[in-house]
C-alpha atoms as a PDB file:
ATOM      1  CA  MET A   1     123.114  72.516 113.916  1.00  0.00           C
ATOM      2  CA  ARG A   2     120.958  75.070 112.099  1.00  0.00           C
ATOM      3  CA  GLY A   3     117.344  75.122 113.168  1.00  0.00           C
ATOM      4  CA  THR A   4     117.935  73.709 116.631  1.00  0.00           C
ATOM      5  CA  GLU A   5     119.288  76.925 118.107  1.00  0.00           C
ATOM      6  CA  ILE A   6     117.259  79.991 118.993  1.00  0.00           C
ATOM      7  CA  ALA A   7     119.256  83.053 118.174  1.00  0.00           C
ATOM      8  CA  ASN A   8     118.970  86.049 120.433  1.00  0.00           C
ATOM      9  CA  PHE A   9     117.958  88.617 117.840  1.00  0.00           C
ATOM     10  CA  PRO A  10     117.677  92.002 119.618  1.00  0.00           C
ATOM     11  CA  ILE A  11     114.250  92.789 121.044  1.00  0.00           C
ATOM     12  CA  PRO A  12     112.866  95.800 119.168  1.00  0.00           C
ATOM     13  CA  THR A  13     111.783  98.759 121.260  1.00  0.00           C
ATOM     14  CA  THR A  14     111.814 101.546 118.663  1.00  0.00           C
ATOM     15  CA  CYS A  15     110.699 101.108 115.051  1.00  0.00           C
ATOM     16  CA  ALA A  16     113.468 101.510 112.487  1.00  0.00           C
ATOM     17  CA  TYR A  17     110.893 102.648 109.915  1.00  0.00           C
ATOM     18  CA  CYS A  18     108.887 105.366 111.703  1.00  0.00           C
ATOM     19  CA  GLY A  19     110.534 105.752 115.104  1.00  0.00           C
ATOM     20  CA  GLY A  20     107.367 104.589 116.837  1.00  0.00           C
ATOM     21  CA  GLU A  21     107.200 102.600 120.054  1.00  0.00           C
ATOM     22  CA  VAL A  22     107.274  98.817 119.608  1.00  0.00           C
ATOM     23  CA  ILE A  23     105.205  96.717 122.027  1.00  0.00           C
ATOM     24  CA  PHE A  24     105.016  92.997 122.799  1.00  0.00           C
ATOM     25  CA  THR A  25     101.416  92.013 122.099  1.00  0.00           C
ATOM     26  CA  SER A  26      98.983  89.442 120.756  1.00  0.00           C
ATOM     27  CA  ASN A  27      99.407  88.832 117.045  1.00  0.00           C
ATOM     28  CA  ALA A  28      95.657  89.322 116.782  1.00  0.00           C
ATOM     29  CA  ALA A  29      96.631  93.016 116.511  1.00  0.00           C
ATOM     30  CA  VAL A  30      98.118  92.073 113.113  1.00  0.00           C
ATOM     31  CA  TYR A  31      95.890  89.248 111.842  1.00  0.00           C
ATOM     32  CA  GLY A  32      92.548  89.889 113.537  1.00  0.00           C
ATOM     33  CA  ARG A  33      92.877  86.656 115.525  1.00  0.00           C
ATOM     34  CA  GLU A  34      95.737  84.784 117.145  1.00  0.00           C
ATOM     35  CA  TYR A  35      97.873  82.442 115.050  1.00  0.00           C
ATOM     36  CA  GLY A  36     100.667  80.110 116.102  1.00  0.00           C
ATOM     37  CA  ASN A  37     102.013  81.067 119.512  1.00  0.00           C
ATOM     38  CA  GLY A  38      99.884  84.225 119.439  1.00  0.00           C
ATOM     39  CA  ARG A  39     102.626  86.758 120.241  1.00  0.00           C
ATOM     40  CA  CYS A  40     104.567  89.401 118.315  1.00  0.00           C
ATOM     41  CA  TYR A  41     106.359  92.717 118.530  1.00  0.00           C
ATOM     42  CA  LYS A  42     104.377  95.440 116.760  1.00  0.00           C
ATOM     43  CA  CYS A  43     105.086  99.077 116.055  1.00  0.00           C
ATOM     44  CA  GLN A  44     102.435 101.439 117.406  1.00  0.00           C
ATOM     45  CA  GLY A  45     103.071 103.932 114.586  1.00  0.00           C
ATOM     46  CA  CYS A  46     103.117 101.813 111.395  1.00  0.00           C
ATOM     47  CA  ASP A  47     102.520  98.279 110.109  1.00  0.00           C
ATOM     48  CA  ALA A  48     105.915  96.836 111.091  1.00  0.00           C
ATOM     49  CA  TYR A  49     105.922  93.671 113.201  1.00  0.00           C
ATOM     50  CA  VAL A  50     107.775  90.424 113.890  1.00  0.00           C
ATOM     51  CA  GLY A  51     106.690  87.157 115.497  1.00  0.00           C
ATOM     52  CA  VAL A  52     108.505  85.391 118.321  1.00  0.00           C
ATOM     53  CA  HIS A  53     109.882  81.909 118.918  1.00  0.00           C
ATOM     54  CA  SER A  54     107.299  79.764 120.710  1.00  0.00           C
ATOM     55  CA  GLY A  55     107.511  79.919 124.474  1.00  0.00           C
ATOM     56  CA  THR A  56     109.922  82.860 124.430  1.00  0.00           C
ATOM     57  CA  VAL A  57     110.039  86.627 123.931  1.00  0.00           C
ATOM     58  CA  ILE A  58     112.849  86.227 121.358  1.00  0.00           C
ATOM     59  CA  PRO A  59     111.955  87.760 117.971  1.00  0.00           C
ATOM     60  CA  LEU A  60     112.049  85.538 114.894  1.00  0.00           C
ATOM     61  CA  GLY A  61     114.098  88.234 113.164  1.00  0.00           C
ATOM     62  CA  ARG A  62     114.052  91.935 112.532  1.00  0.00           C
ATOM     63  CA  LEU A  63     110.963  94.124 112.653  1.00  0.00           C
ATOM     64  CA  ALA A  64     109.537  94.088 109.120  1.00  0.00           C
ATOM     65  CA  ASP A  65     107.371  96.484 107.193  1.00  0.00           C
ATOM     66  CA  LYS A  66     105.226  95.378 104.235  1.00  0.00           C
ATOM     67  CA  GLU A  67     108.088  95.703 101.739  1.00  0.00           C
ATOM     68  CA  LEU A  68     110.462  93.572 103.831  1.00  0.00           C
ATOM     69  CA  ARG A  69     107.765  90.952 104.458  1.00  0.00           C
ATOM     70  CA  THR A  70     107.104  90.768 100.703  1.00  0.00           C
ATOM     71  CA  LEU A  71     110.813  90.263  99.993  1.00  0.00           C
ATOM     72  CA  LYS A  72     111.000  87.465 102.598  1.00  0.00           C
ATOM     73  CA  ILE A  73     108.007  85.748 100.984  1.00  0.00           C
ATOM     74  CA  MET A  74     109.686  86.034  97.579  1.00  0.00           C
ATOM     75  CA  CYS A  75     112.853  84.477  99.016  1.00  0.00           C
ATOM     76  CA  HIS A  76     110.956  81.534 100.445  1.00  0.00           C
ATOM     77  CA  LYS A  77     109.163  80.990  97.116  1.00  0.00           C
ATOM     78  CA  LEU A  78     112.578  80.610  95.482  1.00  0.00           C
ATOM     79  CA  PHE A  79     114.304  78.762  98.341  1.00  0.00           C
ATOM     80  CA  ASP A  80     111.692  76.252  99.496  1.00  0.00           C
ATOM     81  CA  PRO A  81     111.255  74.295  96.226  1.00  0.00           C
ATOM     82  CA  ALA A  82     114.930  73.263  96.428  1.00  0.00           C
ATOM     83  CA  TRP A  83     114.273  71.215  99.575  1.00  0.00           C
ATOM     84  CA  LYS A  84     110.477  70.857  99.844  1.00  0.00           C
ATOM     85  CA  GLY A  85     107.832  69.219  97.748  1.00  0.00           C
ATOM     86  CA  PRO A  86     108.010  66.345  95.321  1.00  0.00           C
ATOM     87  CA  ALA A  87     111.454  67.145  93.879  1.00  0.00           C
ATOM     88  CA  LYS A  88     113.430  67.574  97.143  1.00  0.00           C
ATOM     89  CA  HIS A  89     116.657  68.332  95.305  1.00  0.00           C
ATOM     90  CA  ILE A  90     118.663  68.939  98.458  1.00  0.00           C
ATOM     91  CA  ARG A  91     118.350  68.730 102.241  1.00  0.00           C
ATOM     92  CA  ARG A  92     117.203  71.953 103.934  1.00  0.00           C
ATOM     93  CA  ASP A  93     120.409  72.361 105.971  1.00  0.00           C
ATOM     94  CA  VAL A  94     122.538  71.920 102.851  1.00  0.00           C
ATOM     95  CA  ALA A  95     120.398  74.483 100.984  1.00  0.00           C
ATOM     96  CA  TYR A  96     121.133  77.001 103.750  1.00  0.00           C
ATOM     97  CA  GLU A  97     124.839  76.106 103.586  1.00  0.00           C
ATOM     98  CA  ARG A  98     124.880  76.760  99.820  1.00  0.00           C
ATOM     99  CA  LEU A  99     123.011  80.051 100.160  1.00  0.00           C
ATOM    100  CA  ALA A 100     125.320  81.165 102.973  1.00  0.00           C
ATOM    101  CA  ALA A 101     128.336  80.355 100.794  1.00  0.00           C
ATOM    102  CA  CYS A 102     126.873  82.424  97.934  1.00  0.00           C
ATOM    103  CA  LEU A 103     126.338  85.322 100.338  1.00  0.00           C
ATOM    104  CA  GLY A 104     129.792  84.945 101.916  1.00  0.00           C
ATOM    105  CA  ILE A 105     128.387  84.524 105.437  1.00  0.00           C
ATOM    106  CA  SER A 106     128.351  81.695 107.969  1.00  0.00           C
ATOM    107  CA  VAL A 107     125.407  79.327 107.882  1.00  0.00           C
ATOM    108  CA  SER A 108     124.547  80.385 111.451  1.00  0.00           C
ATOM    109  CA  GLN A 109     123.870  83.903 110.097  1.00  0.00           C
ATOM    110  CA  CYS A 110     121.770  82.698 107.161  1.00  0.00           C
ATOM    111  CA  HIS A 111     118.146  83.403 108.037  1.00  0.00           C
ATOM    112  CA  PHE A 112     115.673  85.353 105.885  1.00  0.00           C
ATOM    113  CA  GLY A 113     114.084  86.837 109.005  1.00  0.00           C
ATOM    114  CA  TRP A 114     117.354  88.508 109.954  1.00  0.00           C
ATOM    115  CA  PHE A 115     118.151  89.999 106.549  1.00  0.00           C
ATOM    116  CA  ASP A 116     117.595  93.600 105.551  1.00  0.00           C
ATOM    117  CA  LYS A 117     116.314  94.709 102.137  1.00  0.00           C
ATOM    118  CA  PRO A 118     119.707  94.719 100.308  1.00  0.00           C
ATOM    119  CA  VAL A 119     120.570  91.178 101.470  1.00  0.00           C
ATOM    120  CA  LEU A 120     117.092  89.868 100.626  1.00  0.00           C
ATOM    121  CA  MET A 121     117.436  91.403  97.152  1.00  0.00           C
ATOM    122  CA  GLN A 122     120.828  89.699  96.819  1.00  0.00           C
ATOM    123  CA  CYS A 123     119.226  86.382  97.832  1.00  0.00           C
ATOM    124  CA  ILE A 124     116.534  86.827  95.174  1.00  0.00           C
ATOM    125  CA  GLU A 125     119.191  87.516  92.550  1.00  0.00           C
ATOM    126  CA  ILE A 126     121.144  84.389  93.586  1.00  0.00           C
ATOM    127  CA  MET A 127     118.092  82.138  93.759  1.00  0.00           C
ATOM    128  CA  ASN A 128     116.647  83.324  90.433  1.00  0.00           C
ATOM    129  CA  ASN A 129     119.186  80.908  88.966  1.00  0.00           C
ATOM    130  CA  PRO A 130     117.214  77.642  89.198  1.00  0.00           C
ATOM    131  CA  LEU A 131     120.411  75.706  90.004  1.00  0.00           C
ATOM    132  CA  TRP A 132     121.687  78.086  92.701  1.00  0.00           C
ATOM    133  CA  TYR A 133     121.920  75.232  95.220  1.00  0.00           C
ATOM    134  CA  ILE A 134     124.277  73.109  93.093  1.00  0.00           C
ATOM    135  CA  LYS A 135     127.784  73.147  94.566  1.00  0.00           C
ATOM    136  CA  LYS A 136     130.284  74.701  92.172  1.00  0.00           C
ATOM    137  CA  SER A 137     133.394  72.689  91.326  1.00  0.00           C
ATOM    138  CA  GLU A 138     136.497  73.873  93.123  1.00  0.00           C
END
């Protein structure tokens, strides 16, 4: 079931953006104080970072620079209203199933934190249709 598994996304050691060394550190290095579980992977050469699953060293996804983080935020702004808030049009797991189907991937691979820029842009294009989560007739 989606959300109950912790995927083993590769631990970053070298930054894909600048080639800098990536260290496991307190997320206070990013935010000025610790939030959540307080840990992250952060590039020593640029502003790329990624949080970790609580109680583990497993990254929540890929190392992200400001542009990638902005795209992920945009995706959540389009995705979350389908299952959150007063309307709750669809269950969260079903929303991920529908998005995965639109992307042509398995639901186990459907995670904004894992996506690169082209896939996040594709998600934004899909979800700009306000009824993206409605199952198409066969």
